[in-house]
Amino acid sequence: MTRTVRLTDRARATLFDIAVWTADRFGPLQARRYAELIADRLEGVAEGRVHSRSAALITGRRQDKVVRYARVGEHFAITEQFGDTIFVLDFVHSRSNLAQHMADAIDAPDK
């Protein structure tokens, strides 16, 4: 079953920052390729080709929300699913403190 993927305003802003940073350092072609990679990985999450993991695995906390994460290039997409829609809450670089970002996503009020 394919689900719909939607980006929150925060995720959209982070994705823009990623694109600008990538273009500045590696050029616009690489920024476009990276954006395509992220889009493909998110599509894979929606189709079930790319697996996501529960935030509870890294935070060690019980969660009322179903917050998950999936690797998308050098970043992780933090997601939450409602029905057939997967909301991307934010993107976090793989070198960041993923556990803290996941805890923040769990604690954040609903969209």
PDB file of N, CA and C in Angstrom:
ATOM      1  N   MET A   1       0.843  -1.172   0.000  1.00  0.00           N
ATOM      2  CA  MET A   1       0.000   0.000   0.000  1.00  0.00           C
ATOM      3  C   MET A   1       0.894   1.243   0.000  1.00  0.00           C
ATOM      4  N   THR A   2       0.650   2.138  -0.910  1.00  0.00           N
ATOM      5  CA  THR A   2       1.391   3.388  -0.960  1.00  0.00           C
ATOM      6  C   THR A   2       0.667   4.439  -0.139  1.00  0.00           C
ATOM      7  N   ARG A   3       1.430   5.096   0.684  1.00  0.00           N
ATOM      8  CA  ARG A   3       0.891   6.178   1.497  1.00  0.00           C
ATOM      9  C   ARG A   3       1.347   7.506   0.903  1.00  0.00           C
ATOM     10  N   THR A   4       0.741   8.563   1.346  1.00  0.00           N
ATOM     11  CA  THR A   4       1.093   9.903   0.925  1.00  0.00           C
ATOM     12  C   THR A   4       2.131  10.464   1.882  1.00  0.00           C
ATOM     13  N   VAL A   5       3.116  11.179   1.343  1.00  0.00           N
ATOM     14  CA  VAL A   5       4.126  11.836   2.170  1.00  0.00           C
ATOM     15  C   VAL A   5       3.908  13.337   2.101  1.00  0.00           C
ATOM     16  N   ARG A   6       3.853  13.964   3.259  1.00  0.00           N
ATOM     17  CA  ARG A   6       3.711  15.421   3.348  1.00  0.00           C
ATOM     18  C   ARG A   6       4.803  15.960   4.262  1.00  0.00           C
ATOM     19  N   LEU A   7       5.350  17.094   3.885  1.00  0.00           N
ATOM     20  CA  LEU A   7       6.370  17.748   4.698  1.00  0.00           C
ATOM     21  C   LEU A   7       5.724  18.831   5.548  1.00  0.00           C
ATOM     22  N   THR A   8       6.095  18.886   6.816  1.00  0.00           N
ATOM     23  CA  THR A   8       5.649  19.988   7.666  1.00  0.00           C
ATOM     24  C   THR A   8       6.423  21.236   7.243  1.00  0.00           C
ATOM     25  N   ASP A   9       5.991  22.384   7.716  1.00  0.00           N
ATOM     26  CA  ASP A   9       6.708  23.625   7.403  1.00  0.00           C
ATOM     27  C   ASP A   9       8.162  23.544   7.874  1.00  0.00           C
ATOM     28  N   ARG A  10       8.366  22.966   9.047  1.00  0.00           N
ATOM     29  CA  ARG A  10       9.725  22.836   9.578  1.00  0.00           C
ATOM     30  C   ARG A  10      10.585  21.952   8.669  1.00  0.00           C
ATOM     31  N   ALA A  11      10.041  20.823   8.237  1.00  0.00           N
ATOM     32  CA  ALA A  11      10.788  19.917   7.350  1.00  0.00           C
ATOM     33  C   ALA A  11      11.084  20.594   6.016  1.00  0.00           C
ATOM     34  N   ARG A  12      10.120  21.343   5.507  1.00  0.00           N
ATOM     35  CA  ARG A  12      10.310  22.053   4.238  1.00  0.00           C
ATOM     36  C   ARG A  12      11.440  23.076   4.369  1.00  0.00           C
ATOM     37  N   ALA A  13      11.472  23.803   5.490  1.00  0.00           N
ATOM     38  CA  ALA A  13      12.528  24.799   5.727  1.00  0.00           C
ATOM     39  C   ALA A  13      13.892  24.120   5.860  1.00  0.00           C
ATOM     40  N   THR A  14      13.938  23.007   6.568  1.00  0.00           N
ATOM     41  CA  THR A  14      15.201  22.277   6.719  1.00  0.00           C
ATOM     42  C   THR A  14      15.673  21.748   5.379  1.00  0.00           C
ATOM     43  N   LEU A  15      14.755  21.224   4.581  1.00  0.00           N
ATOM     44  CA  LEU A  15      15.114  20.713   3.259  1.00  0.00           C
ATOM     45  C   LEU A  15      15.668  21.833   2.380  1.00  0.00           C
ATOM     46  N   PHE A  16      15.086  23.020   2.484  1.00  0.00           N
ATOM     47  CA  PHE A  16      15.603  24.175   1.745  1.00  0.00           C
ATOM     48  C   PHE A  16      17.027  24.493   2.194  1.00  0.00           C
ATOM     49  N   ASP A  17      17.256  24.505   3.506  1.00  0.00           N
ATOM     50  CA  ASP A  17      18.598  24.766   4.038  1.00  0.00           C
ATOM     51  C   ASP A  17      19.601  23.722   3.562  1.00  0.00           C
ATOM     52  N   ILE A  18      19.178  22.468   3.521  1.00  0.00           N
ATOM     53  CA  ILE A  18      20.046  21.393   3.022  1.00  0.00           C
ATOM     54  C   ILE A  18      20.412  21.652   1.565  1.00  0.00           C
ATOM     55  N   ALA A  19      19.436  22.034   0.770  1.00  0.00           N
ATOM     56  CA  ALA A  19      19.676  22.298  -0.655  1.00  0.00           C
ATOM     57  C   ALA A  19      20.642  23.464  -0.848  1.00  0.00           C
ATOM     58  N   VAL A  20      20.445  24.534  -0.094  1.00  0.00           N
ATOM     59  CA  VAL A  20      21.332  25.697  -0.202  1.00  0.00           C
ATOM     60  C   VAL A  20      22.750  25.329   0.215  1.00  0.00           C
ATOM     61  N   TRP A  21      22.881  24.634   1.332  1.00  0.00           N
ATOM     62  CA  TRP A  21      24.197  24.227   1.826  1.00  0.00           C
ATOM     63  C   TRP A  21      24.894  23.334   0.802  1.00  0.00           C
ATOM     64  N   THR A  22      24.168  22.368   0.264  1.00  0.00           N
ATOM     65  CA  THR A  22      24.746  21.439  -0.717  1.00  0.00           C
ATOM     66  C   THR A  22      25.158  22.182  -1.980  1.00  0.00           C
ATOM     67  N   ALA A  23      24.318  23.088  -2.450  1.00  0.00           N
ATOM     68  CA  ALA A  23      24.644  23.852  -3.661  1.00  0.00           C
ATOM     69  C   ALA A  23      25.867  24.732  -3.435  1.00  0.00           C
ATOM     70  N   ASP A  24      25.958  25.362  -2.274  1.00  0.00           N
ATOM     71  CA  ASP A  24      27.105  26.214  -1.962  1.00  0.00           C
ATOM     72  C   ASP A  24      28.412  25.433  -1.940  1.00  0.00           C
ATOM     73  N   ARG A  25      28.376  24.231  -1.410  1.00  0.00           N
ATOM     74  CA  ARG A  25      29.606  23.456  -1.250  1.00  0.00           C
ATOM     75  C   ARG A  25      29.933  22.542  -2.417  1.00  0.00           C
ATOM     76  N   PHE A  26      28.895  22.004  -3.065  1.00  0.00           N
ATOM     77  CA  PHE A  26      29.134  20.996  -4.094  1.00  0.00           C
ATOM     78  C   PHE A  26      28.536  21.342  -5.453  1.00  0.00           C
ATOM     79  N   GLY A  27      27.834  22.463  -5.530  1.00  0.00           N
ATOM     80  CA  GLY A  27      27.268  22.903  -6.794  1.00  0.00           C
ATOM     81  C   GLY A  27      25.805  22.530  -6.953  1.00  0.00           C
ATOM     82  N   PRO A  28      25.123  23.235  -7.872  1.00  0.00           N
ATOM     83  CA  PRO A  28      23.680  23.036  -8.045  1.00  0.00           C
ATOM     84  C   PRO A  28      23.312  21.645  -8.573  1.00  0.00           C
ATOM     85  N   LEU A  29      24.171  21.057  -9.387  1.00  0.00           N
ATOM     86  CA  LEU A  29      23.867  19.724  -9.902  1.00  0.00           C
ATOM     87  C   LEU A  29      23.825  18.706  -8.763  1.00  0.00           C
ATOM     88  N   GLN A  30      24.804  18.767  -7.865  1.00  0.00           N
ATOM     89  CA  GLN A  30      24.818  17.847  -6.730  1.00  0.00           C
ATOM     90  C   GLN A  30      23.640  18.110  -5.799  1.00  0.00           C
ATOM     91  N   ALA A  31      23.275  19.370  -5.628  1.00  0.00           N
ATOM     92  CA  ALA A  31      22.115  19.698  -4.788  1.00  0.00           C
ATOM     93  C   ALA A  31      20.852  19.078  -5.383  1.00  0.00           C
ATOM     94  N   ARG A  32      20.714  19.145  -6.687  1.00  0.00           N
ATOM     95  CA  ARG A  32      19.545  18.555  -7.361  1.00  0.00           C
ATOM     96  C   ARG A  32      19.558  17.028  -7.205  1.00  0.00           C
ATOM     97  N   ARG A  33      20.724  16.417  -7.375  1.00  0.00           N
ATOM     98  CA  ARG A  33      20.839  14.958  -7.219  1.00  0.00           C
ATOM     99  C   ARG A  33      20.490  14.535  -5.793  1.00  0.00           C
ATOM    100  N   TYR A  34      20.958  15.305  -4.820  1.00  0.00           N
ATOM    101  CA  TYR A  34      20.679  14.961  -3.433  1.00  0.00           C
ATOM    102  C   TYR A  34      19.192  15.110  -3.132  1.00  0.00           C
ATOM    103  N   ALA A  35      18.568  16.151  -3.662  1.00  0.00           N
ATOM    104  CA  ALA A  35      17.126  16.347  -3.479  1.00  0.00           C
ATOM    105  C   ALA A  35      16.356  15.177  -4.092  1.00  0.00           C
ATOM    106  N   GLU A  36      16.808  14.708  -5.252  1.00  0.00           N
ATOM    107  CA  GLU A  36      16.169  13.560  -5.900  1.00  0.00           C
ATOM    108  C   GLU A  36      16.351  12.291  -5.067  1.00  0.00           C
ATOM    109  N   LEU A  37      17.530  12.123  -4.467  1.00  0.00           N
ATOM    110  CA  LEU A  37      17.778  10.978  -3.601  1.00  0.00           C
ATOM    111  C   LEU A  37      16.838  11.004  -2.398  1.00  0.00           C
ATOM    112  N   ILE A  38      16.705  12.163  -1.776  1.00  0.00           N
ATOM    113  CA  ILE A  38      15.810  12.289  -0.623  1.00  0.00           C
ATOM    114  C   ILE A  38      14.375  11.986  -1.040  1.00  0.00           C
ATOM    115  N   ALA A  39      13.948  12.542  -2.172  1.00  0.00           N
ATOM    116  CA  ALA A  39      12.585  12.293  -2.647  1.00  0.00           C
ATOM    117  C   ALA A  39      12.364  10.803  -2.920  1.00  0.00           C
ATOM    118  N   ASP A  40      13.360  10.149  -3.511  1.00  0.00           N
ATOM    119  CA  ASP A  40      13.247   8.719  -3.790  1.00  0.00           C
ATOM    120  C   ASP A  40      13.144   7.909  -2.502  1.00  0.00           C
ATOM    121  N   ARG A  41      13.949   8.258  -1.517  1.00  0.00           N
ATOM    122  CA  ARG A  41      13.924   7.531  -0.237  1.00  0.00           C
ATOM    123  C   ARG A  41      12.585   7.739   0.480  1.00  0.00           C
ATOM    124  N   LEU A  42      12.050   8.950   0.426  1.00  0.00           N
ATOM    125  CA  LEU A  42      10.749   9.194   1.049  1.00  0.00           C
ATOM    126  C   LEU A  42       9.646   8.430   0.327  1.00  0.00           C
ATOM    127  N   GLU A  43       9.744   8.355  -0.985  1.00  0.00           N
ATOM    128  CA  GLU A  43       8.802   7.551  -1.758  1.00  0.00           C
ATOM    129  C   GLU A  43       8.925   6.080  -1.344  1.00  0.00           C
ATOM    130  N   GLY A  44      10.159   5.644  -1.129  1.00  0.00           N
ATOM    131  CA  GLY A  44      10.391   4.282  -0.677  1.00  0.00           C
ATOM    132  C   GLY A  44       9.765   4.002   0.677  1.00  0.00           C
ATOM    133  N   VAL A  45       9.825   4.975   1.582  1.00  0.00           N
ATOM    134  CA  VAL A  45       9.177   4.823   2.887  1.00  0.00           C
ATOM    135  C   VAL A  45       7.674   4.663   2.681  1.00  0.00           C
ATOM    136  N   ALA A  46       7.103   5.502   1.816  1.00  0.00           N
ATOM    137  CA  ALA A  46       5.662   5.457   1.561  1.00  0.00           C
ATOM    138  C   ALA A  46       5.238   4.123   0.951  1.00  0.00           C
ATOM    139  N   GLU A  47       6.101   3.560   0.107  1.00  0.00           N
ATOM    140  CA  GLU A  47       5.772   2.297  -0.567  1.00  0.00           C
ATOM    141  C   GLU A  47       6.175   1.068   0.247  1.00  0.00           C
ATOM    142  N   GLY A  48       6.913   1.278   1.315  1.00  0.00           N
ATOM    143  CA  GLY A  48       7.367   0.153   2.123  1.00  0.00           C
ATOM    144  C   GLY A  48       8.682  -0.450   1.665  1.00  0.00           C
ATOM    145  N   ARG A  49       9.349   0.163   0.677  1.00  0.00           N
ATOM    146  CA  ARG A  49      10.657  -0.319   0.203  1.00  0.00           C
ATOM    147  C   ARG A  49      11.777   0.091   1.147  1.00  0.00           C
ATOM    148  N   VAL A  50      11.602   1.226   1.812  1.00  0.00           N
ATOM    149  CA  VAL A  50      12.591   1.740   2.754  1.00  0.00           C
ATOM    150  C   VAL A  50      11.979   1.638   4.144  1.00  0.00           C
ATOM    151  N   HIS A  51      12.683   0.961   5.012  1.00  0.00           N
ATOM    152  CA  HIS A  51      12.145   0.735   6.352  1.00  0.00           C
ATOM    153  C   HIS A  51      12.480   1.895   7.283  1.00  0.00           C
ATOM    154  N   SER A  52      11.524   2.202   8.128  1.00  0.00           N
ATOM    155  CA  SER A  52      11.754   3.196   9.168  1.00  0.00           C
ATOM    156  C   SER A  52      11.744   2.479  10.509  1.00  0.00           C
ATOM    157  N   ARG A  53      12.318   3.123  11.486  1.00  0.00           N
ATOM    158  CA  ARG A  53      12.426   2.539  12.829  1.00  0.00           C
ATOM    159  C   ARG A  53      11.743   3.445  13.843  1.00  0.00           C
ATOM    160  N   SER A  54      11.311   2.837  14.922  1.00  0.00           N
ATOM    161  CA  SER A  54      10.625   3.576  15.978  1.00  0.00           C
ATOM    162  C   SER A  54      11.596   4.480  16.735  1.00  0.00           C
ATOM    163  N   ALA A  55      11.139   5.668  17.053  1.00  0.00           N
ATOM    164  CA  ALA A  55      11.942   6.599  17.850  1.00  0.00           C
ATOM    165  C   ALA A  55      12.253   6.012  19.214  1.00  0.00           C
ATOM    166  N   ALA A  56      11.377   5.166  19.725  1.00  0.00           N
ATOM    167  CA  ALA A  56      11.580   4.570  21.045  1.00  0.00           C
ATOM    168  C   ALA A  56      12.850   3.732  21.082  1.00  0.00           C
ATOM    169  N   LEU A  57      13.296   3.238  19.927  1.00  0.00           N
ATOM    170  CA  LEU A  57      14.522   2.439  19.887  1.00  0.00           C
ATOM    171  C   LEU A  57      15.739   3.254  20.300  1.00  0.00           C
ATOM    172  N   ILE A  58      15.751   4.552  19.967  1.00  0.00           N
ATOM    173  CA  ILE A  58      16.912   5.360  20.325  1.00  0.00           C
ATOM    174  C   ILE A  58      16.691   6.186  21.571  1.00  0.00           C
ATOM    175  N   THR A  59      15.480   6.600  21.801  1.00  0.00           N
ATOM    176  CA  THR A  59      15.241   7.450  22.967  1.00  0.00           C
ATOM    177  C   THR A  59      15.054   6.629  24.234  1.00  0.00           C
ATOM    178  N   GLY A  60      14.645   5.367  24.069  1.00  0.00           N
ATOM    179  CA  GLY A  60      14.376   4.534  25.228  1.00  0.00           C
ATOM    180  C   GLY A  60      13.136   4.973  25.986  1.00  0.00           C
ATOM    181  N   ARG A  61      12.314   5.785  25.324  1.00  0.00           N
ATOM    182  CA  ARG A  61      11.121   6.339  25.963  1.00  0.00           C
ATOM    183  C   ARG A  61       9.873   5.772  25.319  1.00  0.00           C
ATOM    184  N   ARG A  62       8.873   5.572  26.145  1.00  0.00           N
ATOM    185  CA  ARG A  62       7.564   5.204  25.614  1.00  0.00           C
ATOM    186  C   ARG A  62       7.027   6.425  24.888  1.00  0.00           C
ATOM    187  N   GLN A  63       6.323   6.183  23.815  1.00  0.00           N
ATOM    188  CA  GLN A  63       5.785   7.322  23.072  1.00  0.00           C
ATOM    189  C   GLN A  63       4.319   7.100  22.752  1.00  0.00           C
ATOM    190  N   ASP A  64       3.544   8.150  22.900  1.00  0.00           N
ATOM    191  CA  ASP A  64       2.145   8.081  22.519  1.00  0.00           C
ATOM    192  C   ASP A  64       2.005   8.293  21.016  1.00  0.00           C
ATOM    193  N   LYS A  65       2.865   9.128  20.481  1.00  0.00           N
ATOM    194  CA  LYS A  65       2.887   9.350  19.039  1.00  0.00           C
ATOM    195  C   LYS A  65       3.706   8.240  18.387  1.00  0.00           C
ATOM    196  N   VAL A  66       3.420   7.958  17.147  1.00  0.00           N
ATOM    197  CA  VAL A  66       4.195   6.957  16.420  1.00  0.00           C
ATOM    198  C   VAL A  66       5.240   7.701  15.590  1.00  0.00           C
ATOM    199  N   VAL A  67       6.284   8.151  16.277  1.00  0.00           N
ATOM    200  CA  VAL A  67       7.369   8.873  15.629  1.00  0.00           C
ATOM    201  C   VAL A  67       8.421   7.857  15.206  1.00  0.00           C
ATOM    202  N   ARG A  68       8.839   7.970  13.945  1.00  0.00           N
ATOM    203  CA  ARG A  68       9.798   7.024  13.385  1.00  0.00           C
ATOM    204  C   ARG A  68      10.889   7.806  12.662  1.00  0.00           C
ATOM    205  N   TYR A  69      11.940   7.107  12.266  1.00  0.00           N
ATOM    206  CA  TYR A  69      12.998   7.733  11.485  1.00  0.00           C
ATOM    207  C   TYR A  69      13.472   6.781  10.402  1.00  0.00           C
ATOM    208  N   ALA A  70      13.932   7.359   9.310  1.00  0.00           N
ATOM    209  CA  ALA A  70      14.455   6.574   8.191  1.00  0.00           C
ATOM    210  C   ALA A  70      15.658   7.306   7.613  1.00  0.00           C
ATOM    211  N   ARG A  71      16.649   6.556   7.202  1.00  0.00           N
ATOM    212  CA  ARG A  71      17.851   7.145   6.606  1.00  0.00           C
ATOM    213  C   ARG A  71      17.520   7.617   5.196  1.00  0.00           C
ATOM    214  N   VAL A  72      17.861   8.869   4.920  1.00  0.00           N
ATOM    215  CA  VAL A  72      17.696   9.436   3.574  1.00  0.00           C
ATOM    216  C   VAL A  72      19.004  10.145   3.233  1.00  0.00           C
ATOM    217  N   GLY A  73      19.884   9.454   2.551  1.00  0.00           N
ATOM    218  CA  GLY A  73      21.191  10.024   2.255  1.00  0.00           C
ATOM    219  C   GLY A  73      21.987  10.195   3.531  1.00  0.00           C
ATOM    220  N   GLU A  74      22.559  11.377   3.727  1.00  0.00           N
ATOM    221  CA  GLU A  74      23.335  11.681   4.930  1.00  0.00           C
ATOM    222  C   GLU A  74      22.458  12.247   6.044  1.00  0.00           C
ATOM    223  N   HIS A  75      21.163  12.128   5.880  1.00  0.00           N
ATOM    224  CA  HIS A  75      20.212  12.648   6.859  1.00  0.00           C
ATOM    225  C   HIS A  75      19.251  11.550   7.301  1.00  0.00           C
ATOM    226  N   PHE A  76      18.531  11.846   8.358  1.00  0.00           N
ATOM    227  CA  PHE A  76      17.417  11.014   8.781  1.00  0.00           C
ATOM    228  C   PHE A  76      16.158  11.847   8.625  1.00  0.00           C
ATOM    229  N   ALA A  77      15.108  11.238   8.109  1.00  0.00           N
ATOM    230  CA  ALA A  77      13.797  11.871   8.084  1.00  0.00           C
ATOM    231  C   ALA A  77      13.059  11.408   9.324  1.00  0.00           C
ATOM    232  N   ILE A  78      12.581  12.353  10.117  1.00  0.00           N
ATOM    233  CA  ILE A  78      11.776  12.039  11.295  1.00  0.00           C
ATOM    234  C   ILE A  78      10.326  12.152  10.861  1.00  0.00           C
ATOM    235  N   THR A  79       9.571  11.074  11.055  1.00  0.00           N
ATOM    236  CA  THR A  79       8.213  11.020  10.518  1.00  0.00           C
ATOM    237  C   THR A  79       7.191  10.638  11.580  1.00  0.00           C
ATOM    238  N   GLU A  80       5.957  10.946  11.263  1.00  0.00           N
ATOM    239  CA  GLU A  80       4.822  10.528  12.079  1.00  0.00           C
ATOM    240  C   GLU A  80       3.696  10.188  11.114  1.00  0.00           C
ATOM    241  N   GLN A  81       3.028   9.078  11.339  1.00  0.00           N
ATOM    242  CA  GLN A  81       1.986   8.637  10.417  1.00  0.00           C
ATOM    243  C   GLN A  81       0.611   8.818  11.021  1.00  0.00           C
ATOM    244  N   PHE A  82      -0.297   9.358  10.216  1.00  0.00           N
ATOM    245  CA  PHE A  82      -1.713   9.460  10.549  1.00  0.00           C
ATOM    246  C   PHE A  82      -2.480   8.845   9.394  1.00  0.00           C
ATOM    247  N   GLY A  83      -3.122   7.739   9.635  1.00  0.00           N
ATOM    248  CA  GLY A  83      -3.860   7.070   8.566  1.00  0.00           C
ATOM    249  C   GLY A  83      -2.922   6.705   7.432  1.00  0.00           C
ATOM    250  N   ASP A  84      -3.260   7.122   6.232  1.00  0.00           N
ATOM    251  CA  ASP A  84      -2.447   6.826   5.048  1.00  0.00           C
ATOM    252  C   ASP A  84      -1.466   7.944   4.716  1.00  0.00           C
ATOM    253  N   THR A  85      -1.261   8.876   5.632  1.00  0.00           N
ATOM    254  CA  THR A  85      -0.355   9.990   5.383  1.00  0.00           C
ATOM    255  C   THR A  85       0.836   9.933   6.332  1.00  0.00           C
ATOM    256  N   ILE A  86       2.022  10.038   5.751  1.00  0.00           N
ATOM    257  CA  ILE A  86       3.251  10.113   6.528  1.00  0.00           C
ATOM    258  C   ILE A  86       3.697  11.565   6.516  1.00  0.00           C
ATOM    259  N   PHE A  87       3.773  12.167   7.692  1.00  0.00           N
ATOM    260  CA  PHE A  87       4.233  13.542   7.812  1.00  0.00           C
ATOM    261  C   PHE A  87       5.717  13.527   8.152  1.00  0.00           C
ATOM    262  N   VAL A  88       6.499  14.216   7.348  1.00  0.00           N
ATOM    263  CA  VAL A  88       7.915  14.383   7.664  1.00  0.00           C
ATOM    264  C   VAL A  88       7.994  15.580   8.588  1.00  0.00           C
ATOM    265  N   LEU A  89       8.410  15.319   9.840  1.00  0.00           N
ATOM    266  CA  LEU A  89       8.473  16.375  10.842  1.00  0.00           C
ATOM    267  C   LEU A  89       9.723  17.222  10.680  1.00  0.00           C
ATOM    268  N   ASP A  90      10.827  16.569  10.315  1.00  0.00           N
ATOM    269  CA  ASP A  90      12.083  17.292  10.127  1.00  0.00           C
ATOM    270  C   ASP A  90      13.120  16.349   9.537  1.00  0.00           C
ATOM    271  N   PHE A  91      14.223  16.934   9.115  1.00  0.00           N
ATOM    272  CA  PHE A  91      15.389  16.180   8.651  1.00  0.00           C
ATOM    273  C   PHE A  91      16.536  16.502   9.594  1.00  0.00           C
ATOM    274  N   VAL A  92      17.310  15.482   9.948  1.00  0.00           N
ATOM    275  CA  VAL A  92      18.419  15.632  10.881  1.00  0.00           C
ATOM    276  C   VAL A  92      19.648  15.013  10.246  1.00  0.00           C
ATOM    277  N   HIS A  93      20.762  15.735  10.269  1.00  0.00           N
ATOM    278  CA  HIS A  93      21.996  15.190   9.713  1.00  0.00           C
ATOM    279  C   HIS A  93      22.431  13.972  10.508  1.00  0.00           C
ATOM    280  N   SER A  94      23.028  13.026   9.833  1.00  0.00           N
ATOM    281  CA  SER A  94      23.418  11.769  10.486  1.00  0.00           C
ATOM    282  C   SER A  94      24.451  11.964  11.591  1.00  0.00           C
ATOM    283  N   ARG A  95      25.164  13.079  11.587  1.00  0.00           N
ATOM    284  CA  ARG A  95      26.151  13.347  12.643  1.00  0.00           C
ATOM    285  C   ARG A  95      25.555  14.114  13.825  1.00  0.00           C
ATOM    286  N   SER A  96      24.288  14.448  13.729  1.00  0.00           N
ATOM    287  CA  SER A  96      23.611  15.169  14.813  1.00  0.00           C
ATOM    288  C   SER A  96      23.231  14.211  15.930  1.00  0.00           C
ATOM    289  N   ASN A  97      22.763  14.776  17.021  1.00  0.00           N
ATOM    290  CA  ASN A  97      22.284  13.983  18.143  1.00  0.00           C
ATOM    291  C   ASN A  97      20.863  13.528  17.824  1.00  0.00           C
ATOM    292  N   LEU A  98      20.773  12.396  17.142  1.00  0.00           N
ATOM    293  CA  LEU A  98      19.472  11.902  16.691  1.00  0.00           C
ATOM    294  C   LEU A  98      18.535  11.626  17.868  1.00  0.00           C
ATOM    295  N   ALA A  99      19.049  11.062  18.932  1.00  0.00           N
ATOM    296  CA  ALA A  99      18.203  10.755  20.092  1.00  0.00           C
ATOM    297  C   ALA A  99      17.531  12.017  20.626  1.00  0.00           C
ATOM    298  N   GLN A 100      18.267  13.122  20.715  1.00  0.00           N
ATOM    299  CA  GLN A 100      17.687  14.367  21.213  1.00  0.00           C
ATOM    300  C   GLN A 100      16.629  14.907  20.251  1.00  0.00           C
ATOM    301  N   HIS A 101      16.913  14.865  18.961  1.00  0.00           N
ATOM    302  CA  HIS A 101      15.933  15.333  17.972  1.00  0.00           C
ATOM    303  C   HIS A 101      14.669  14.480  18.011  1.00  0.00           C
ATOM    304  N   MET A 102      14.835  13.182  18.203  1.00  0.00           N
ATOM    305  CA  MET A 102      13.678  12.294  18.278  1.00  0.00           C
ATOM    306  C   MET A 102      12.861  12.607  19.536  1.00  0.00           C
ATOM    307  N   ALA A 103      13.526  12.816  20.655  1.00  0.00           N
ATOM    308  CA  ALA A 103      12.822  13.160  21.896  1.00  0.00           C
ATOM    309  C   ALA A 103      12.056  14.475  21.717  1.00  0.00           C
ATOM    310  N   ASP A 104      12.675  15.443  21.050  1.00  0.00           N
ATOM    311  CA  ASP A 104      11.992  16.719  20.787  1.00  0.00           C
ATOM    312  C   ASP A 104      10.756  16.506  19.916  1.00  0.00           C
ATOM    313  N   ALA A 105      10.878  15.635  18.913  1.00  0.00           N
ATOM    314  CA  ALA A 105       9.735  15.356  18.022  1.00  0.00           C
ATOM    315  C   ALA A 105       8.608  14.681  18.786  1.00  0.00           C
ATOM    316  N   ILE A 106       8.952  13.784  19.697  1.00  0.00           N
ATOM    317  CA  ILE A 106       7.943  13.102  20.492  1.00  0.00           C
ATOM    318  C   ILE A 106       7.218  14.088  21.397  1.00  0.00           C
ATOM    319  N   ASP A 107       7.982  15.040  21.975  1.00  0.00           N
ATOM    320  CA  ASP A 107       7.420  15.999  22.909  1.00  0.00           C
ATOM    321  C   ASP A 107       6.693  17.162  22.241  1.00  0.00           C
ATOM    322  N   ALA A 108       6.921  17.380  20.954  1.00  0.00           N
ATOM    323  CA  ALA A 108       6.330  18.520  20.256  1.00  0.00           C
ATOM    324  C   ALA A 108       4.813  18.354  20.165  1.00  0.00           C
ATOM    325  N   PRO A 109       4.085  19.475  20.240  1.00  0.00           N
ATOM    326  CA  PRO A 109       2.630  19.389  20.075  1.00  0.00           C
ATOM    327  C   PRO A 109       2.295  18.952  18.661  1.00  0.00           C
ATOM    328  N   ASP A 110       1.101  18.436  18.495  1.00  0.00           N
ATOM    329  CA  ASP A 110       0.671  18.005  17.157  1.00  0.00           C
ATOM    330  C   ASP A 110       0.680  19.169  16.189  1.00  0.00           C
ATOM    331  N   LYS A 111       0.817  18.818  14.912  1.00  0.00           N
ATOM    332  CA  LYS A 111       0.910  19.806  13.850  1.00  0.00           C
ATOM    333  C   LYS A 111      -0.143  20.834  13.962  1.00  0.00           C
TER     334      LYS A 111
END
